[in-house]
N, C-alpha and C. Protein backbone atom coordinates (compact mmCIF):
# COMPACT_ATOMS: atom_id res chain seq x y z
N MET A 1 -116.63 -191.88 -51.64
CA MET A 1 -117.13 -192.76 -50.60
C MET A 1 -117.52 -191.94 -49.37
N ALA A 2 -118.51 -192.42 -48.67
CA ALA A 2 -118.97 -191.74 -47.46
C ALA A 2 -118.08 -192.12 -46.28
N LYS A 3 -117.96 -191.20 -45.35
CA LYS A 3 -117.22 -191.49 -44.13
C LYS A 3 -118.21 -192.01 -43.09
N VAL A 4 -117.74 -192.95 -42.29
CA VAL A 4 -118.56 -193.50 -41.22
C VAL A 4 -117.74 -193.55 -39.93
N ARG A 5 -118.44 -193.55 -38.82
CA ARG A 5 -117.81 -193.73 -37.51
C ARG A 5 -118.18 -195.12 -37.03
N ILE A 6 -117.17 -195.92 -36.75
CA ILE A 6 -117.38 -197.28 -36.26
C ILE A 6 -116.95 -197.29 -34.80
N SER A 7 -117.86 -197.74 -33.93
CA SER A 7 -117.59 -197.78 -32.49
C SER A 7 -117.76 -199.21 -31.99
N GLN A 8 -116.82 -199.65 -31.16
CA GLN A 8 -116.95 -200.97 -30.56
C GLN A 8 -117.87 -200.86 -29.36
N VAL A 9 -118.90 -201.71 -29.32
CA VAL A 9 -119.87 -201.64 -28.23
C VAL A 9 -119.89 -202.90 -27.38
N ARG A 10 -119.25 -203.97 -27.82
CA ARG A 10 -119.20 -205.20 -27.04
C ARG A 10 -117.77 -205.72 -27.00
N SER A 11 -117.49 -206.53 -25.99
CA SER A 11 -116.15 -207.06 -25.76
C SER A 11 -115.81 -208.16 -26.75
N ILE A 12 -114.50 -208.36 -26.97
CA ILE A 12 -114.05 -209.45 -27.84
C ILE A 12 -113.62 -210.68 -27.02
N ILE A 13 -113.86 -210.63 -25.71
CA ILE A 13 -113.56 -211.80 -24.87
C ILE A 13 -114.47 -212.95 -25.29
N LYS A 14 -113.90 -214.14 -25.38
CA LYS A 14 -114.60 -215.37 -25.78
C LYS A 14 -115.16 -215.29 -27.20
N ARG A 15 -114.48 -214.58 -28.08
CA ARG A 15 -114.87 -214.51 -29.48
C ARG A 15 -113.84 -215.29 -30.29
N PRO A 16 -114.21 -215.80 -31.47
CA PRO A 16 -113.23 -216.49 -32.31
C PRO A 16 -112.09 -215.56 -32.72
N ASN A 17 -110.94 -216.16 -32.98
CA ASN A 17 -109.74 -215.38 -33.28
C ASN A 17 -109.92 -214.50 -34.52
N ASP A 18 -110.66 -214.98 -35.53
CA ASP A 18 -110.84 -214.15 -36.73
C ASP A 18 -111.63 -212.89 -36.43
N GLN A 19 -112.57 -212.95 -35.49
CA GLN A 19 -113.30 -211.74 -35.11
C GLN A 19 -112.42 -210.78 -34.33
N LYS A 20 -111.56 -211.32 -33.47
CA LYS A 20 -110.61 -210.48 -32.73
C LYS A 20 -109.67 -209.76 -33.69
N LEU A 21 -109.18 -210.48 -34.70
CA LEU A 21 -108.27 -209.88 -35.67
C LEU A 21 -108.97 -208.83 -36.53
N THR A 22 -110.25 -209.06 -36.84
CA THR A 22 -111.01 -208.08 -37.62
C THR A 22 -111.20 -206.79 -36.83
N ILE A 23 -111.49 -206.90 -35.53
CA ILE A 23 -111.63 -205.72 -34.68
C ILE A 23 -110.31 -204.95 -34.66
N LYS A 24 -109.19 -205.65 -34.52
CA LYS A 24 -107.88 -205.00 -34.51
C LYS A 24 -107.61 -204.32 -35.85
N ALA A 25 -107.99 -204.96 -36.96
CA ALA A 25 -107.76 -204.40 -38.29
C ALA A 25 -108.58 -203.13 -38.51
N LEU A 26 -109.73 -203.03 -37.85
CA LEU A 26 -110.55 -201.83 -37.94
C LEU A 26 -109.99 -200.70 -37.09
N GLY A 27 -109.00 -200.99 -36.23
CA GLY A 27 -108.41 -199.97 -35.38
C GLY A 27 -109.10 -199.85 -34.04
N LEU A 28 -109.86 -200.88 -33.68
CA LEU A 28 -110.57 -200.87 -32.41
C LEU A 28 -109.86 -201.80 -31.44
N GLY A 29 -110.47 -202.11 -30.32
CA GLY A 29 -109.86 -203.02 -29.37
C GLY A 29 -110.38 -202.83 -27.96
N LYS A 30 -110.98 -201.68 -27.70
CA LYS A 30 -111.56 -201.42 -26.38
C LYS A 30 -113.00 -200.95 -26.58
N ILE A 31 -113.84 -201.25 -25.62
CA ILE A 31 -115.23 -200.83 -25.70
C ILE A 31 -115.31 -199.31 -25.69
N ASN A 32 -116.19 -198.76 -26.51
CA ASN A 32 -116.44 -197.33 -26.70
C ASN A 32 -115.36 -196.62 -27.50
N LYS A 33 -114.37 -197.33 -28.03
CA LYS A 33 -113.40 -196.70 -28.92
C LYS A 33 -114.04 -196.54 -30.29
N SER A 34 -113.77 -195.42 -30.94
CA SER A 34 -114.35 -195.14 -32.25
C SER A 34 -113.27 -194.77 -33.25
N VAL A 35 -113.53 -195.08 -34.51
CA VAL A 35 -112.66 -194.67 -35.60
C VAL A 35 -113.54 -194.12 -36.72
N GLU A 36 -113.01 -193.16 -37.47
CA GLU A 36 -113.70 -192.62 -38.64
C GLU A 36 -112.95 -193.07 -39.87
N VAL A 37 -113.65 -193.76 -40.77
CA VAL A 37 -113.03 -194.32 -41.97
C VAL A 37 -113.93 -194.11 -43.18
N GLU A 38 -113.32 -194.21 -44.37
CA GLU A 38 -114.10 -194.23 -45.60
C GLU A 38 -114.83 -195.57 -45.68
N TYR A 39 -116.08 -195.56 -46.11
CA TYR A 39 -116.88 -196.78 -46.16
C TYR A 39 -116.67 -197.49 -47.49
N THR A 40 -115.56 -198.20 -47.59
CA THR A 40 -115.21 -198.95 -48.79
C THR A 40 -115.82 -200.35 -48.71
N PRO A 41 -115.82 -201.09 -49.81
CA PRO A 41 -116.33 -202.47 -49.76
C PRO A 41 -115.55 -203.34 -48.77
N GLN A 42 -114.26 -203.08 -48.61
CA GLN A 42 -113.46 -203.86 -47.67
C GLN A 42 -113.90 -203.60 -46.24
N ILE A 43 -114.12 -202.33 -45.91
CA ILE A 43 -114.58 -201.96 -44.57
C ILE A 43 -115.98 -202.52 -44.34
N ALA A 44 -116.84 -202.46 -45.37
CA ALA A 44 -118.20 -202.99 -45.23
C ALA A 44 -118.18 -204.47 -44.91
N GLY A 45 -117.28 -205.22 -45.53
CA GLY A 45 -117.16 -206.65 -45.25
C GLY A 45 -116.70 -206.92 -43.84
N MET A 46 -115.74 -206.12 -43.36
CA MET A 46 -115.26 -206.30 -42.00
C MET A 46 -116.35 -205.97 -40.99
N VAL A 47 -117.12 -204.90 -41.25
CA VAL A 47 -118.20 -204.52 -40.35
C VAL A 47 -119.27 -205.60 -40.31
N LYS A 48 -119.57 -206.19 -41.47
CA LYS A 48 -120.57 -207.25 -41.51
C LYS A 48 -120.14 -208.46 -40.68
N LYS A 49 -118.84 -208.75 -40.70
CA LYS A 49 -118.31 -209.90 -39.97
C LYS A 49 -118.43 -209.73 -38.46
N VAL A 50 -118.30 -208.49 -37.98
CA VAL A 50 -118.37 -208.23 -36.54
C VAL A 50 -119.50 -207.27 -36.20
N SER A 51 -120.59 -207.34 -36.95
CA SER A 51 -121.70 -206.40 -36.77
C SER A 51 -122.33 -206.50 -35.39
N HIS A 52 -122.21 -207.64 -34.73
CA HIS A 52 -122.78 -207.82 -33.39
C HIS A 52 -121.88 -207.19 -32.31
N LEU A 53 -120.69 -206.72 -32.69
CA LEU A 53 -119.77 -206.13 -31.73
C LEU A 53 -119.59 -204.63 -31.91
N VAL A 54 -120.05 -204.09 -33.04
CA VAL A 54 -119.81 -202.68 -33.36
C VAL A 54 -121.11 -201.98 -33.73
N SER A 55 -121.06 -200.64 -33.70
CA SER A 55 -122.16 -199.83 -34.24
C SER A 55 -121.56 -198.89 -35.27
N VAL A 56 -122.34 -198.60 -36.32
CA VAL A 56 -121.87 -197.77 -37.42
C VAL A 56 -122.78 -196.57 -37.55
N THR A 57 -122.16 -195.38 -37.63
CA THR A 57 -122.89 -194.13 -37.78
C THR A 57 -122.34 -193.37 -38.98
N GLU A 58 -123.22 -192.94 -39.88
CA GLU A 58 -122.77 -192.16 -41.03
C GLU A 58 -122.49 -190.72 -40.57
N LEU A 59 -121.46 -190.14 -41.17
CA LEU A 59 -121.09 -188.76 -40.84
C LEU A 59 -121.61 -187.79 -41.89
């Protein structure tokens, strides 16, 4: 699997609770925080759910 860098670019204020929990599950929570993870199908689903809040960069 390829590694990707996921960065939070927008706030989770006034977002539904499931989106807030997805951001936390990705290891994010603050704007401009980034994590490097393997791009598994589970991660891809989480990114799709909050794609308007994060940016994804392949490494």
